[in-house]
């Protein structure tokens, strides 16, 4: 799926290509540095299809896209490069805090220091300033925070006539099981120490504190996202269930140290296949919380996401049931 239209709209609503100085991204989030944050149009951004909410706060245009952050970022850079070429603007390396993220240069990854503040502060700021969050990351200048996801749609009413109530019990058509990708202890998602996950804004799911440093595919499907640092991975099942697994809190700062990824984006995987290995003692010794959220990022497409009530799980145990 391409994000060219979304990318072009975001550029326009943030003041145009000449107003954007830098663009960075993490596994689930983007951040723009704007020359004039006041030119960003918050209300219009909130009306874009796929945008959950927007808020204003401190020198950057922060964006949470969930599992597709890297793809949105790439299309954004391509669009910015074309805009600059067509307008005769010179690409200024000095205008970008991280040169590898210049428009037109699509290789490399952002400096972890550039995005660490987003992981720690964005959602605390957002909760104070966002006007609404539908169901579906610092300084003295104003900033815009934008969250992407599935906009909560009103149910369609055929012919303008609401369906009649029935005494018939609800019968679900299908249930699919999501296996645990880790061996460890489970905790409710709302207790995970990262507001992006605990607020439920990235989807429904479970937190796991791994006791074994191996991540296995929770379902058969395709790898749809792998962050270069190895701390997060996205998988889409053969039936369309989108799963995001984030190994630890703020572990993007390790820049891949202590992680070994066995798969690549676009690769088909089978349930139970080992995807990533990570060194628990070393990561914890470096001061990181290894609590790992496992979320269904398109949970709104289903009738229900039922989490296990087990306090401990072994990889391959049932973790969630998706009811459609």
Protein backbone atom coordinates (compact mmCIF):
# COMPACT_ATOMS: atom_id res chain seq x y z
CA UNK A 1 0.00 0.00 0.00
CA UNK A 2 1.34 3.43 -0.92
CA UNK A 3 1.01 6.55 1.24
CA UNK A 4 1.77 9.17 -1.43
CA UNK A 5 -1.56 10.98 -1.08
CA UNK A 6 -1.36 11.08 2.72
CA UNK A 7 2.26 12.25 2.53
CA UNK A 8 1.42 15.08 0.11
CA UNK A 9 -1.53 16.23 2.25
CA UNK A 10 0.60 16.30 5.40
CA UNK A 11 3.29 18.33 3.66
CA UNK A 12 0.71 20.84 2.43
CA UNK A 13 -1.00 21.11 5.83
CA UNK A 14 2.30 21.59 7.65
CA UNK A 15 3.09 24.70 5.59
CA UNK A 16 4.56 23.17 2.43
CA UNK A 17 7.93 21.66 1.62
CA UNK A 18 9.77 24.94 2.25
CA UNK A 19 8.51 24.90 5.86
CA UNK A 20 9.88 21.42 6.65
CA UNK A 21 13.48 21.29 7.84
CA UNK A 22 13.78 17.65 8.90
CA UNK A 23 11.90 14.37 9.09
CA UNK A 24 12.70 11.42 11.40
CA UNK A 25 10.93 8.19 12.29
CA UNK A 26 10.87 5.35 14.81
CA UNK A 27 9.06 2.01 14.56
CA UNK A 28 5.65 3.58 15.10
CA UNK A 29 6.27 7.36 14.97
CA UNK A 30 7.41 10.30 12.82
CA UNK A 31 8.75 13.73 13.77
CA UNK A 32 9.01 16.85 11.56
CA UNK A 33 11.06 19.94 12.37
CA UNK A 34 9.22 23.01 11.03
CA UNK A 35 10.60 26.49 10.31
CA UNK A 36 7.26 28.01 11.31
CA UNK A 37 5.07 25.61 13.36
CA UNK A 38 2.30 28.19 13.27
CA UNK A 39 1.64 27.36 9.61
CA UNK A 40 0.49 23.84 10.48
CA UNK A 41 -3.29 23.46 10.16
CA UNK A 42 -4.39 21.29 13.06
CA UNK A 43 -8.12 21.16 12.32
CA UNK A 44 -7.57 20.21 8.67
CA UNK A 45 -5.09 17.49 9.66
CA UNK A 46 -7.66 15.97 11.99
CA UNK A 47 -10.05 15.65 9.06
CA UNK A 48 -7.66 13.52 6.98
CA UNK A 49 -8.73 9.94 6.45
CA UNK A 50 -6.69 7.77 8.82
CA UNK A 51 -5.80 10.56 11.28
CA UNK A 52 -6.95 9.96 14.85
CA UNK A 53 -6.11 13.34 16.41
CA UNK A 54 -3.71 16.28 16.38
CA UNK A 55 -2.24 18.51 19.09
CA UNK A 56 0.17 21.46 19.32
CA UNK A 57 3.31 21.58 21.55
CA UNK A 58 7.18 22.49 21.15
CA UNK A 59 9.13 22.93 17.83
CA UNK A 60 8.29 19.69 16.04
CA UNK A 61 5.48 18.06 14.12
CA UNK A 62 5.20 14.65 15.86
CA UNK A 63 3.30 11.84 14.18
CA UNK A 64 2.27 8.37 15.36
CA UNK A 65 1.50 6.12 12.39
CA UNK A 66 1.70 2.76 14.08
CA UNK A 67 3.13 -0.09 12.11
CA UNK A 68 3.41 1.84 8.81
CA UNK A 69 5.65 4.65 10.08
CA UNK A 70 8.58 3.69 7.88
CA UNK A 71 6.47 3.52 4.73
CA UNK A 72 4.79 6.85 5.38
CA UNK A 73 8.23 8.33 6.09
CA UNK A 74 9.67 7.06 2.80
CA UNK A 75 6.77 8.42 0.75
CA UNK A 76 7.10 11.72 2.62
CA UNK A 77 10.77 12.01 1.68
CA UNK A 78 10.06 11.16 -1.97
CA UNK A 79 7.32 13.78 -2.15
CA UNK A 80 9.49 16.45 -0.48
CA UNK A 81 12.31 15.72 -2.91
CA UNK A 82 10.00 16.19 -5.92
CA UNK A 83 8.57 19.41 -4.49
CA UNK A 84 12.04 20.85 -3.98
CA UNK A 85 13.20 19.81 -7.46
CA UNK A 86 10.15 21.29 -9.17
CA UNK A 87 10.44 24.57 -7.25
CA UNK A 88 14.19 24.84 -7.88
CA UNK A 89 14.96 24.73 -4.16
CA UNK A 90 18.44 23.64 -3.18
CA UNK A 91 18.73 20.63 -0.89
CA UNK A 92 20.39 21.99 2.23
CA UNK A 93 22.09 19.38 4.38
CA UNK A 94 22.41 21.93 7.16
CA UNK A 95 18.65 22.21 7.25
CA UNK A 96 18.40 18.60 8.39
CA UNK A 97 19.47 17.59 11.88
CA UNK A 98 20.38 14.15 10.56
CA UNK A 99 21.81 14.27 6.99
CA UNK A 100 20.78 10.69 6.16
CA UNK A 101 17.16 11.80 6.44
CA UNK A 102 17.32 14.47 3.72
CA UNK A 103 14.55 14.28 1.09
CA UNK A 104 15.72 12.01 -1.70
CA UNK A 105 18.13 10.07 0.49
CA UNK A 106 16.17 7.02 1.50
CA UNK A 107 18.89 4.99 3.18
CA UNK A 108 20.15 4.96 6.74
CA UNK A 109 18.16 5.43 9.94
CA UNK A 110 17.55 8.35 12.33
CA UNK A 111 19.83 9.13 15.23
CA UNK A 112 18.23 7.63 18.33
CA UNK A 113 18.95 10.82 20.25
CA UNK A 114 16.73 12.72 17.83
CA UNK A 115 13.71 10.57 18.61
CA UNK A 116 14.25 9.60 22.24
CA UNK A 117 12.31 12.60 23.51
CA UNK A 118 9.35 11.54 21.45
CA UNK A 119 9.18 8.18 23.17
CA UNK A 120 9.34 9.80 26.64
CA UNK A 121 7.33 13.00 26.30
CA UNK A 122 5.03 13.08 23.31
CA UNK A 123 2.07 11.33 24.79
CA UNK A 124 2.20 13.23 28.09
CA UNK A 125 2.02 16.45 26.05
CA UNK A 126 -0.58 15.04 23.69
CA UNK A 127 -2.99 14.01 26.43
CA UNK A 128 -3.08 17.61 27.65
CA UNK A 129 -3.62 19.21 24.26
CA UNK A 130 -5.40 16.81 21.91
CA UNK A 131 -9.08 17.63 21.59
CA UNK A 132 -10.16 14.11 20.94
CA UNK A 133 -8.94 10.55 20.56
CA UNK A 134 -11.12 8.23 18.55
CA UNK A 135 -11.36 4.47 19.00
CA UNK A 136 -8.91 3.13 16.61
CA UNK A 137 5.88 11.13 20.51
CA UNK A 138 10.80 19.57 23.20
CA UNK A 139 11.33 23.49 23.67
CA UNK A 140 9.44 26.73 23.66
CA UNK A 141 8.13 26.84 20.10
CA UNK A 142 4.71 25.43 19.28
CA UNK A 143 4.54 21.83 17.96
CA UNK A 144 1.96 19.73 16.23
CA UNK A 145 1.37 16.11 17.29
CA UNK A 146 -0.50 13.97 14.78
CA UNK A 147 -1.68 10.40 15.27
CA UNK A 148 -2.55 8.17 12.35
CA UNK A 149 -4.78 5.14 12.45
CA UNK A 150 -8.22 4.03 11.44
CA UNK A 151 -10.79 6.78 11.87
CA UNK A 152 -13.79 5.53 13.81
CA UNK A 153 -16.59 5.35 11.24
CA UNK A 154 -20.29 5.41 12.02
CA UNK A 155 -21.93 2.12 11.06
CA UNK A 156 -23.58 2.16 7.65
CA UNK A 157 -27.36 2.12 7.60
CA UNK A 158 -28.79 0.46 4.50
CA UNK A 159 -31.23 2.73 2.69
CA UNK A 160 -31.35 5.06 5.68
CA UNK A 161 -33.41 2.49 7.59
CA UNK A 162 -31.90 1.16 10.83
CA UNK A 163 -31.83 -2.57 11.34
CA UNK A 164 -34.59 -3.96 13.51
CA UNK A 165 -33.67 -5.41 16.86
CA UNK A 166 -33.88 -9.14 17.12
CA UNK A 167 -34.13 -11.56 19.99
CA UNK A 168 -31.71 -13.86 18.21
CA UNK A 169 -28.44 -14.29 20.11
CA UNK A 170 -25.33 -12.91 18.42
CA UNK A 171 -23.47 -15.62 16.57
CA UNK A 172 -19.87 -14.82 15.68
CA UNK A 173 -18.80 -16.02 12.29
CA UNK A 174 -15.15 -16.63 13.00
CA UNK A 175 -12.52 -16.81 15.73
CA UNK A 176 -8.76 -16.73 15.16
CA UNK A 177 -6.13 -17.50 17.75
CA UNK A 178 -3.00 -15.37 18.22
CA UNK A 179 -0.18 -17.27 19.90
CA UNK A 180 2.22 -15.74 22.39
CA UNK A 181 5.42 -14.63 20.63
CA UNK A 182 7.32 -14.86 23.95
CA UNK A 183 7.72 -17.02 27.02
CA UNK A 184 7.17 -14.90 30.11
CA UNK A 185 4.70 -13.10 32.40
CA UNK A 186 1.68 -11.24 31.04
CA UNK A 187 0.45 -7.86 32.24
CA UNK A 188 -2.58 -5.81 31.14
CA UNK A 189 -1.71 -3.46 28.29
CA UNK A 190 -2.82 -0.43 30.36
CA UNK A 191 0.00 -1.19 32.83
CA UNK A 192 2.74 -0.96 30.18
CA UNK A 193 5.00 2.03 30.93
CA UNK A 194 4.57 3.66 27.52
CA UNK A 195 1.47 5.84 26.96
CA UNK A 196 1.47 5.02 23.25
CA UNK A 197 0.52 1.47 24.18
CA UNK A 198 -1.14 1.79 27.60
CA UNK A 199 -3.63 4.36 26.26
CA UNK A 200 -4.77 1.82 23.66
CA UNK A 201 -4.18 4.28 20.85
CA UNK A 202 -2.04 1.82 18.88
CA UNK A 203 -4.47 -1.04 19.37
CA UNK A 204 -5.68 -3.70 21.78
CA UNK A 205 -3.37 -6.32 23.20
CA UNK A 206 -1.22 -7.62 26.04
CA UNK A 207 2.12 -6.76 27.65
CA UNK A 208 4.63 -9.56 28.23
CA UNK A 209 7.81 -9.56 30.33
CA UNK A 210 9.94 -12.12 28.46
CA UNK A 211 11.99 -14.66 30.39
CA UNK A 212 13.54 -16.11 27.21
CA UNK A 213 15.23 -13.87 24.62
CA UNK A 214 13.44 -15.22 21.56
CA UNK A 215 10.47 -13.84 19.61
CA UNK A 216 8.41 -16.28 17.54
CA UNK A 217 5.76 -15.61 14.90
CA UNK A 218 2.38 -15.53 16.70
CA UNK A 219 0.53 -16.39 13.49
CA UNK A 220 1.28 -17.32 9.88
CA UNK A 221 1.50 -14.36 7.53
CA UNK A 222 3.92 -11.76 6.15
CA UNK A 223 6.45 -9.50 7.83
CA UNK A 224 5.15 -6.01 7.07
CA UNK A 225 7.64 -3.96 9.11
CA UNK A 226 11.04 -4.50 10.67
CA UNK A 227 12.77 -1.56 12.31
CA UNK A 228 16.57 -1.47 11.70
CA UNK A 229 17.29 -1.55 15.44
CA UNK A 230 15.47 -4.90 15.70
CA UNK A 231 13.37 -3.76 18.66
CA UNK A 232 10.01 -3.95 16.85
CA UNK A 233 8.33 -5.99 14.15
CA UNK A 234 4.97 -5.98 12.38
CA UNK A 235 3.22 -9.03 10.95
CA UNK A 236 0.01 -9.23 8.93
CA UNK A 237 -1.79 -12.58 9.00
CA UNK A 238 -3.12 -14.29 5.90
CA UNK A 239 -6.60 -13.05 6.88
CA UNK A 240 -5.50 -9.43 7.45
CA UNK A 241 -4.89 -9.24 11.21
CA UNK A 242 -2.15 -6.65 11.82
CA UNK A 243 0.12 -7.39 14.79
CA UNK A 244 2.79 -5.07 16.20
CA UNK A 245 5.34 -6.47 18.67
CA UNK A 246 7.63 -3.99 20.46
CA UNK A 247 10.49 -5.60 22.42
CA UNK A 248 10.98 -3.44 25.49
CA UNK A 249 10.34 0.23 26.31
CA UNK A 250 12.49 2.92 24.61
CA UNK A 251 14.83 0.18 23.35
CA UNK A 252 15.16 2.00 20.01
CA UNK A 253 17.96 3.89 21.79
CA UNK A 254 20.09 0.74 21.78
CA UNK A 255 20.31 1.12 17.96
CA UNK A 256 20.27 -2.64 17.38
CA UNK A 257 22.72 -3.61 20.11
CA UNK A 258 21.78 -6.94 21.73
CA UNK A 259 19.20 -7.74 18.97
CA UNK A 260 19.56 -10.20 16.08
CA UNK A 261 16.80 -10.18 13.43
CA UNK A 262 16.32 -13.35 11.35
CA UNK A 263 13.75 -12.02 8.86
CA UNK A 264 13.20 -9.09 6.53
CA UNK A 265 10.25 -7.02 5.39
CA UNK A 266 8.01 -8.80 2.89
CA UNK A 267 9.09 -12.26 3.99
CA UNK A 268 6.37 -14.88 4.58
CA UNK A 269 6.56 -16.58 7.98
CA UNK A 270 4.84 -19.51 9.61
CA UNK A 271 3.40 -19.56 13.09
CA UNK A 272 6.10 -20.57 15.59
CA UNK A 273 9.00 -19.51 13.38
CA UNK A 274 11.75 -17.65 15.29
CA UNK A 275 11.97 -14.03 14.11
CA UNK A 276 14.24 -12.16 16.53
CA UNK A 277 16.72 -13.07 19.27
CA UNK A 278 17.63 -10.58 22.01
CA UNK A 279 19.93 -10.59 25.04
CA UNK A 280 17.76 -10.08 28.12
CA UNK A 281 20.58 -9.71 30.71
CA UNK A 282 22.47 -7.15 28.60
CA UNK A 283 19.38 -5.10 27.77
CA UNK A 284 18.31 -5.00 31.41
CA UNK A 285 21.87 -4.22 32.52
CA UNK A 286 21.76 -1.22 30.16
CA UNK A 287 18.78 0.04 32.18
CA UNK A 288 15.84 -0.82 29.92
CA UNK A 289 12.42 -2.21 30.81
CA UNK A 290 11.86 -5.30 28.66
CA UNK A 291 8.08 -5.30 29.02
CA UNK A 292 6.96 -5.99 25.45
CA UNK A 293 3.55 -4.89 24.09
CA UNK A 294 1.84 -7.22 21.60
CA UNK A 295 -1.01 -5.29 19.94
CA UNK A 296 -3.59 -5.73 17.20
CA UNK A 297 -3.27 -2.42 15.37
CA UNK A 298 -6.47 -2.88 13.33
CA UNK A 299 -8.55 -4.11 16.28
CA UNK A 300 -11.43 -1.83 15.23
CA UNK A 301 -12.01 -4.11 12.23
CA UNK A 302 -13.12 -6.93 14.53
CA UNK A 303 -16.02 -7.60 16.86
CA UNK A 304 -13.74 -8.31 19.79
CA UNK A 305 -10.13 -8.94 20.83
CA UNK A 306 -10.09 -11.31 23.81
CA UNK A 307 -6.88 -11.43 25.87
CA UNK A 308 -5.70 -14.43 27.86
CA UNK A 309 -6.22 -14.44 31.61
CA UNK A 310 -3.06 -16.49 32.17
CA UNK A 311 -0.36 -14.79 34.25
CA UNK A 312 2.42 -16.81 32.61
CA UNK A 313 2.68 -18.01 29.02
CA UNK A 314 5.02 -20.13 26.96
CA UNK A 315 5.71 -19.19 23.34
CA UNK A 316 2.92 -20.73 21.21
CA UNK A 317 0.35 -20.61 24.06
CA UNK A 318 -2.90 -18.87 23.17
CA UNK A 319 -2.48 -15.13 23.91
CA UNK A 320 -5.47 -13.52 22.19
CA UNK A 321 -8.58 -14.54 20.30
CA UNK A 322 -9.80 -12.34 17.43
CA UNK A 323 -13.56 -12.51 16.94
CA UNK A 324 -14.99 -11.38 13.60
